[in-house]
Amino acid sequence: LPDGVNISKEARSAISRAASVFVLYATSCANNFAMKGKRKTLNAGDVLSAMEEMEFQRFVAPLKESLEVYRREQKGKKEARKDKDKKADSEEQDKSREEDNDDDDERMEEEEQNEEEEVDN
């Protein structure tokens, strides 16, 4: 809103109720598309089809753009999680190798000490 615009509590309440009714109506229309597809779960296509049926075509393009941005963000997060998991696995393997090497070093030292003791005896 522009600076200096005041909204009464009644107007805020009316806008809130109108938004709720709109969301319920859009959900109902989208649900009809899901039911036609013999599905119980609404998907983005159902919502976009509902917007067109409700004659809100001007919102379809911005919604598609927002959906694409959201999907890219989710894909990026998923890939980042995979990279993080791979790095953690790699570090865990390196640590395990180091522990194995330390164990081998300790065994070799013990064997050397045992051999020295046998030579001394």
N, C-alpha and C. Protein backbone atom coordinates (compact mmCIF):
# COMPACT_ATOMS: atom_id res chain seq x y z
N LEU A 1 0.84 -1.19 0.00
CA LEU A 1 0.00 0.00 0.00
C LEU A 1 0.87 1.25 0.00
N PRO A 2 0.37 2.30 -0.60
CA PRO A 2 1.13 3.56 -0.59
C PRO A 2 1.25 4.11 0.84
N ASP A 3 2.27 4.93 1.05
CA ASP A 3 2.44 5.57 2.35
C ASP A 3 1.22 6.42 2.68
N GLY A 4 0.88 6.45 3.95
CA GLY A 4 -0.22 7.29 4.40
C GLY A 4 -1.59 6.68 4.25
N VAL A 5 -1.69 5.43 3.76
CA VAL A 5 -2.99 4.78 3.62
C VAL A 5 -3.31 4.04 4.90
N ASN A 6 -4.47 4.32 5.44
CA ASN A 6 -4.93 3.64 6.65
C ASN A 6 -6.11 2.75 6.30
N ILE A 7 -6.17 1.58 6.93
CA ILE A 7 -7.25 0.65 6.69
C ILE A 7 -7.94 0.38 8.01
N SER A 8 -9.25 0.50 8.02
CA SER A 8 -10.00 0.27 9.26
C SER A 8 -9.99 -1.22 9.60
N LYS A 9 -10.30 -1.51 10.86
CA LYS A 9 -10.36 -2.91 11.29
C LYS A 9 -11.45 -3.66 10.53
N GLU A 10 -12.58 -2.98 10.27
CA GLU A 10 -13.66 -3.61 9.52
C GLU A 10 -13.22 -3.98 8.12
N ALA A 11 -12.48 -3.09 7.47
CA ALA A 11 -12.01 -3.36 6.11
C ALA A 11 -11.02 -4.52 6.12
N ARG A 12 -10.13 -4.55 7.10
CA ARG A 12 -9.17 -5.66 7.20
C ARG A 12 -9.91 -6.98 7.38
N SER A 13 -10.91 -6.96 8.23
CA SER A 13 -11.70 -8.17 8.47
C SER A 13 -12.43 -8.60 7.20
N ALA A 14 -13.00 -7.65 6.47
CA ALA A 14 -13.71 -7.97 5.23
C ALA A 14 -12.76 -8.55 4.19
N ILE A 15 -11.56 -7.98 4.07
CA ILE A 15 -10.57 -8.49 3.13
C ILE A 15 -10.15 -9.90 3.52
N SER A 16 -9.98 -10.12 4.81
CA SER A 16 -9.59 -11.44 5.30
C SER A 16 -10.67 -12.48 4.98
N ARG A 17 -11.91 -12.14 5.23
CA ARG A 17 -13.01 -13.07 4.93
C ARG A 17 -13.11 -13.32 3.43
N ALA A 18 -12.96 -12.28 2.63
CA ALA A 18 -13.02 -12.44 1.18
C ALA A 18 -11.90 -13.35 0.69
N ALA A 19 -10.71 -13.19 1.24
CA ALA A 19 -9.58 -14.04 0.86
C ALA A 19 -9.86 -15.50 1.23
N SER A 20 -10.44 -15.72 2.41
CA SER A 20 -10.78 -17.08 2.84
C SER A 20 -11.79 -17.71 1.90
N VAL A 21 -12.83 -16.96 1.54
CA VAL A 21 -13.85 -17.48 0.62
C VAL A 21 -13.23 -17.80 -0.73
N PHE A 22 -12.35 -16.92 -1.22
CA PHE A 22 -11.70 -17.15 -2.50
C PHE A 22 -10.88 -18.44 -2.46
N VAL A 23 -10.10 -18.62 -1.40
CA VAL A 23 -9.27 -19.82 -1.29
C VAL A 23 -10.14 -21.08 -1.23
N LEU A 24 -11.22 -21.02 -0.49
CA LEU A 24 -12.13 -22.18 -0.41
C LEU A 24 -12.75 -22.49 -1.77
N TYR A 25 -13.16 -21.45 -2.49
CA TYR A 25 -13.75 -21.65 -3.81
C TYR A 25 -12.72 -22.21 -4.79
N ALA A 26 -11.52 -21.67 -4.77
CA ALA A 26 -10.45 -22.16 -5.65
C ALA A 26 -10.12 -23.62 -5.31
N THR A 27 -10.09 -23.94 -4.04
CA THR A 27 -9.80 -25.31 -3.61
C THR A 27 -10.90 -26.26 -4.09
N SER A 28 -12.14 -25.82 -3.97
CA SER A 28 -13.26 -26.64 -4.42
C SER A 28 -13.18 -26.90 -5.92
N CYS A 29 -12.90 -25.86 -6.70
CA CYS A 29 -12.76 -26.03 -8.15
C CYS A 29 -11.59 -26.95 -8.49
N ALA A 30 -10.46 -26.77 -7.81
CA ALA A 30 -9.29 -27.62 -8.06
C ALA A 30 -9.59 -29.06 -7.68
N ASN A 31 -10.36 -29.24 -6.61
CA ASN A 31 -10.74 -30.59 -6.18
C ASN A 31 -11.58 -31.28 -7.26
N ASN A 32 -12.43 -30.53 -7.93
CA ASN A 32 -13.23 -31.11 -9.02
C ASN A 32 -12.32 -31.65 -10.13
N PHE A 33 -11.25 -30.93 -10.44
CA PHE A 33 -10.31 -31.41 -11.46
C PHE A 33 -9.59 -32.68 -10.99
N ALA A 34 -9.25 -32.72 -9.71
CA ALA A 34 -8.59 -33.91 -9.17
C ALA A 34 -9.54 -35.10 -9.23
N MET A 35 -10.79 -34.87 -8.87
CA MET A 35 -11.78 -35.96 -8.90
C MET A 35 -12.00 -36.47 -10.32
N LYS A 36 -12.00 -35.55 -11.30
CA LYS A 36 -12.13 -35.97 -12.70
C LYS A 36 -10.96 -36.87 -13.10
N GLY A 37 -9.79 -36.60 -12.52
CA GLY A 37 -8.61 -37.41 -12.78
C GLY A 37 -8.52 -38.62 -11.88
N LYS A 38 -9.58 -38.88 -11.11
CA LYS A 38 -9.65 -40.01 -10.17
C LYS A 38 -8.50 -39.99 -9.17
N ARG A 39 -8.22 -38.78 -8.67
CA ARG A 39 -7.18 -38.60 -7.66
C ARG A 39 -7.79 -37.94 -6.44
N LYS A 40 -7.15 -38.17 -5.30
CA LYS A 40 -7.60 -37.53 -4.06
C LYS A 40 -6.72 -36.34 -3.70
N THR A 41 -5.57 -36.26 -4.32
CA THR A 41 -4.61 -35.20 -4.00
C THR A 41 -4.63 -34.12 -5.07
N LEU A 42 -4.75 -32.88 -4.63
CA LEU A 42 -4.69 -31.75 -5.56
C LEU A 42 -3.25 -31.52 -5.97
N ASN A 43 -3.04 -31.16 -7.23
CA ASN A 43 -1.70 -30.80 -7.66
C ASN A 43 -1.73 -29.41 -8.30
N ALA A 44 -0.58 -28.93 -8.69
CA ALA A 44 -0.47 -27.58 -9.25
C ALA A 44 -1.32 -27.43 -10.50
N GLY A 45 -1.36 -28.45 -11.33
CA GLY A 45 -2.17 -28.41 -12.55
C GLY A 45 -3.65 -28.21 -12.24
N ASP A 46 -4.11 -28.85 -11.16
CA ASP A 46 -5.51 -28.69 -10.75
C ASP A 46 -5.80 -27.23 -10.37
N VAL A 47 -4.89 -26.63 -9.65
CA VAL A 47 -5.07 -25.24 -9.21
C VAL A 47 -5.05 -24.31 -10.42
N LEU A 48 -4.12 -24.53 -11.33
CA LEU A 48 -4.05 -23.69 -12.53
C LEU A 48 -5.31 -23.84 -13.38
N SER A 49 -5.81 -25.06 -13.52
CA SER A 49 -7.04 -25.28 -14.28
C SER A 49 -8.22 -24.60 -13.58
N ALA A 50 -8.24 -24.66 -12.27
CA ALA A 50 -9.31 -24.01 -11.50
C ALA A 50 -9.28 -22.50 -11.71
N MET A 51 -8.10 -21.92 -11.76
CA MET A 51 -7.99 -20.47 -11.98
C MET A 51 -8.57 -20.10 -13.34
N GLU A 52 -8.30 -20.91 -14.35
CA GLU A 52 -8.85 -20.64 -15.68
C GLU A 52 -10.36 -20.79 -15.67
N GLU A 53 -10.85 -21.84 -15.00
CA GLU A 53 -12.30 -22.06 -14.94
C GLU A 53 -13.01 -20.92 -14.19
N MET A 54 -12.35 -20.37 -13.18
CA MET A 54 -12.92 -19.28 -12.40
C MET A 54 -12.74 -17.93 -13.10
N GLU A 55 -12.19 -17.97 -14.30
CA GLU A 55 -11.95 -16.79 -15.12
C GLU A 55 -10.92 -15.83 -14.51
N PHE A 56 -9.88 -16.43 -13.92
CA PHE A 56 -8.74 -15.66 -13.41
C PHE A 56 -7.50 -15.99 -14.24
N GLN A 57 -7.66 -15.96 -15.58
CA GLN A 57 -6.56 -16.31 -16.48
C GLN A 57 -5.34 -15.42 -16.27
N ARG A 58 -5.56 -14.20 -15.86
CA ARG A 58 -4.41 -13.29 -15.70
C ARG A 58 -3.49 -13.71 -14.56
N PHE A 59 -3.98 -14.59 -13.69
CA PHE A 59 -3.13 -15.08 -12.59
C PHE A 59 -2.37 -16.34 -12.97
N VAL A 60 -2.76 -16.99 -14.06
CA VAL A 60 -2.15 -18.27 -14.44
C VAL A 60 -0.66 -18.11 -14.74
N ALA A 61 -0.30 -17.12 -15.56
CA ALA A 61 1.12 -16.93 -15.91
C ALA A 61 1.97 -16.62 -14.67
N PRO A 62 1.57 -15.67 -13.81
CA PRO A 62 2.38 -15.42 -12.62
C PRO A 62 2.46 -16.64 -11.69
N LEU A 63 1.37 -17.40 -11.60
CA LEU A 63 1.40 -18.61 -10.77
C LEU A 63 2.37 -19.64 -11.33
N LYS A 64 2.37 -19.79 -12.67
CA LYS A 64 3.30 -20.73 -13.29
C LYS A 64 4.75 -20.31 -13.03
N GLU A 65 5.01 -19.02 -13.14
CA GLU A 65 6.37 -18.52 -12.88
C GLU A 65 6.77 -18.78 -11.43
N SER A 66 5.86 -18.50 -10.50
CA SER A 66 6.15 -18.73 -9.08
C SER A 66 6.37 -20.21 -8.81
N LEU A 67 5.58 -21.05 -9.44
CA LEU A 67 5.73 -22.49 -9.28
C LEU A 67 7.08 -22.96 -9.79
N GLU A 68 7.49 -22.42 -10.92
CA GLU A 68 8.80 -22.80 -11.49
C GLU A 68 9.93 -22.36 -10.58
N VAL A 69 9.84 -21.16 -10.03
CA VAL A 69 10.85 -20.67 -9.09
C VAL A 69 10.90 -21.58 -7.87
N TYR A 70 9.73 -21.92 -7.34
CA TYR A 70 9.66 -22.80 -6.17
C TYR A 70 10.30 -24.15 -6.46
N ARG A 71 9.98 -24.71 -7.61
CA ARG A 71 10.54 -26.03 -7.97
C ARG A 71 12.06 -25.97 -8.12
N ARG A 72 12.56 -24.88 -8.71
CA ARG A 72 14.02 -24.74 -8.83
C ARG A 72 14.66 -24.64 -7.45
N GLU A 73 14.05 -23.87 -6.56
CA GLU A 73 14.59 -23.74 -5.20
C GLU A 73 14.61 -25.09 -4.49
N GLN A 74 13.52 -25.83 -4.62
CA GLN A 74 13.45 -27.14 -3.98
C GLN A 74 14.48 -28.09 -4.56
N LYS A 75 14.68 -28.04 -5.87
CA LYS A 75 15.68 -28.89 -6.52
C LYS A 75 17.08 -28.51 -6.03
N GLY A 76 17.33 -27.20 -5.91
CA GLY A 76 18.62 -26.74 -5.41
C GLY A 76 18.86 -27.20 -3.98
N LYS A 77 17.83 -27.11 -3.15
CA LYS A 77 17.95 -27.57 -1.76
C LYS A 77 18.21 -29.06 -1.71
N LYS A 78 17.50 -29.81 -2.56
CA LYS A 78 17.67 -31.26 -2.59
C LYS A 78 19.09 -31.63 -3.02
N GLU A 79 19.60 -30.94 -4.05
CA GLU A 79 20.97 -31.21 -4.52
C GLU A 79 21.98 -30.82 -3.46
N ALA A 80 21.74 -29.71 -2.77
CA ALA A 80 22.65 -29.28 -1.71
C ALA A 80 22.68 -30.32 -0.59
N ARG A 81 21.51 -30.87 -0.27
CA ARG A 81 21.43 -31.89 0.77
C ARG A 81 22.20 -33.14 0.34
N LYS A 82 22.04 -33.52 -0.95
CA LYS A 82 22.77 -34.68 -1.47
C LYS A 82 24.27 -34.45 -1.39
N ASP A 83 24.71 -33.26 -1.81
CA ASP A 83 26.14 -32.92 -1.76
C ASP A 83 26.65 -32.97 -0.33
N LYS A 84 25.86 -32.44 0.58
CA LYS A 84 26.25 -32.43 1.99
C LYS A 84 26.35 -33.86 2.51
N ASP A 85 25.38 -34.71 2.15
CA ASP A 85 25.41 -36.11 2.58
C ASP A 85 26.61 -36.84 1.98
N LYS A 86 26.90 -36.57 0.70
CA LYS A 86 28.06 -37.21 0.07
C LYS A 86 29.34 -36.78 0.76
N LYS A 87 29.44 -35.50 1.08
CA LYS A 87 30.63 -34.99 1.74
C LYS A 87 30.78 -35.62 3.12
N ALA A 88 29.66 -35.73 3.84
CA ALA A 88 29.69 -36.34 5.17
C ALA A 88 30.11 -37.81 5.07
N ASP A 89 29.57 -38.53 4.07
CA ASP A 89 29.94 -39.93 3.87
C ASP A 89 31.42 -40.05 3.55
N SER A 90 31.91 -39.15 2.69
CA SER A 90 33.31 -39.17 2.31
C SER A 90 34.20 -38.91 3.52
N GLU A 91 33.81 -37.91 4.32
CA GLU A 91 34.60 -37.60 5.52
C GLU A 91 34.56 -38.77 6.50
N GLU A 92 33.42 -39.43 6.59
CA GLU A 92 33.29 -40.58 7.49
C GLU A 92 34.19 -41.72 7.02
N GLN A 93 34.23 -41.93 5.70
CA GLN A 93 35.09 -42.98 5.15
C GLN A 93 36.56 -42.64 5.39
N ASP A 94 36.91 -41.36 5.20
CA ASP A 94 38.29 -40.94 5.45
C ASP A 94 38.66 -41.16 6.91
N LYS A 95 37.76 -40.81 7.79
CA LYS A 95 38.01 -40.98 9.23
C LYS A 95 38.17 -42.46 9.55
N SER A 96 37.32 -43.28 8.95
CA SER A 96 37.39 -44.72 9.17
C SER A 96 38.73 -45.27 8.67
N ARG A 97 39.17 -44.79 7.51
CA ARG A 97 40.46 -45.22 6.96
C ARG A 97 41.60 -44.81 7.89
N GLU A 98 41.51 -43.57 8.40
CA GLU A 98 42.55 -43.09 9.31
C GLU A 98 42.59 -43.95 10.57
N GLU A 99 41.41 -44.30 11.09
CA GLU A 99 41.37 -45.15 12.28
C GLU A 99 41.95 -46.51 11.99
N ASP A 100 41.64 -47.06 10.80
CA ASP A 100 42.19 -48.35 10.40
C ASP A 100 43.71 -48.26 10.30
N ASN A 101 44.20 -47.18 9.71
CA ASN A 101 45.64 -46.98 9.58
C ASN A 101 46.29 -46.84 10.96
N ASP A 102 45.63 -46.11 11.87
CA ASP A 102 46.15 -45.97 13.23
C ASP A 102 46.21 -47.32 13.92
N ASP A 103 45.17 -48.13 13.73
CA ASP A 103 45.14 -49.47 14.32
C ASP A 103 46.28 -50.32 13.76
N ASP A 104 46.49 -50.21 12.43
CA ASP A 104 47.58 -50.95 11.79
C ASP A 104 48.93 -50.50 12.35
N ASP A 105 49.09 -49.18 12.52
CA ASP A 105 50.34 -48.64 13.06
C ASP A 105 50.58 -49.16 14.47
N GLU A 106 49.52 -49.18 15.28
CA GLU A 106 49.66 -49.67 16.66
C GLU A 106 50.04 -51.14 16.66
N ARG A 107 49.41 -51.94 15.79
CA ARG A 107 49.73 -53.36 15.72
C ARG A 107 51.18 -53.58 15.30
N MET A 108 51.62 -52.78 14.33
CA MET A 108 53.01 -52.90 13.86
C MET A 108 53.98 -52.55 14.97
N GLU A 109 53.68 -51.49 15.74
CA GLU A 109 54.55 -51.11 16.85
C GLU A 109 54.60 -52.21 17.89
N GLU A 110 53.45 -52.81 18.19
CA GLU A 110 53.40 -53.90 19.17
C GLU A 110 54.22 -55.09 18.68
N GLU A 111 54.09 -55.40 17.39
CA GLU A 111 54.83 -56.52 16.83
C GLU A 111 56.33 -56.24 16.89
N GLU A 112 56.71 -55.00 16.58
CA GLU A 112 58.13 -54.65 16.65
C GLU A 112 58.65 -54.78 18.08
N GLN A 113 57.85 -54.32 19.05
CA GLN A 113 58.27 -54.42 20.45
C GLN A 113 58.38 -55.89 20.85
N ASN A 114 57.43 -56.71 20.41
CA ASN A 114 57.47 -58.13 20.73
C ASN A 114 58.70 -58.78 20.11
N GLU A 115 59.03 -58.40 18.88
CA GLU A 115 60.21 -58.95 18.21
C GLU A 115 61.48 -58.52 18.95
N GLU A 116 61.52 -57.26 19.40
CA GLU A 116 62.69 -56.77 20.13
C GLU A 116 62.84 -57.53 21.46
N GLU A 117 61.71 -57.78 22.11
CA GLU A 117 61.76 -58.51 23.39
C GLU A 117 62.23 -59.95 23.15
N GLU A 118 61.78 -60.55 22.03
CA GLU A 118 62.20 -61.90 21.73
C GLU A 118 63.69 -61.95 21.44
N VAL A 119 64.20 -60.94 20.75
CA VAL A 119 65.63 -60.87 20.43
C VAL A 119 66.42 -60.71 21.72
N ASP A 120 65.94 -59.87 22.63
CA ASP A 120 66.62 -59.64 23.91
C ASP A 120 66.65 -60.91 24.74
N ASN A 121 65.64 -61.72 24.67
CA ASN A 121 65.58 -62.95 25.47
C ASN A 121 66.44 -63.98 24.82
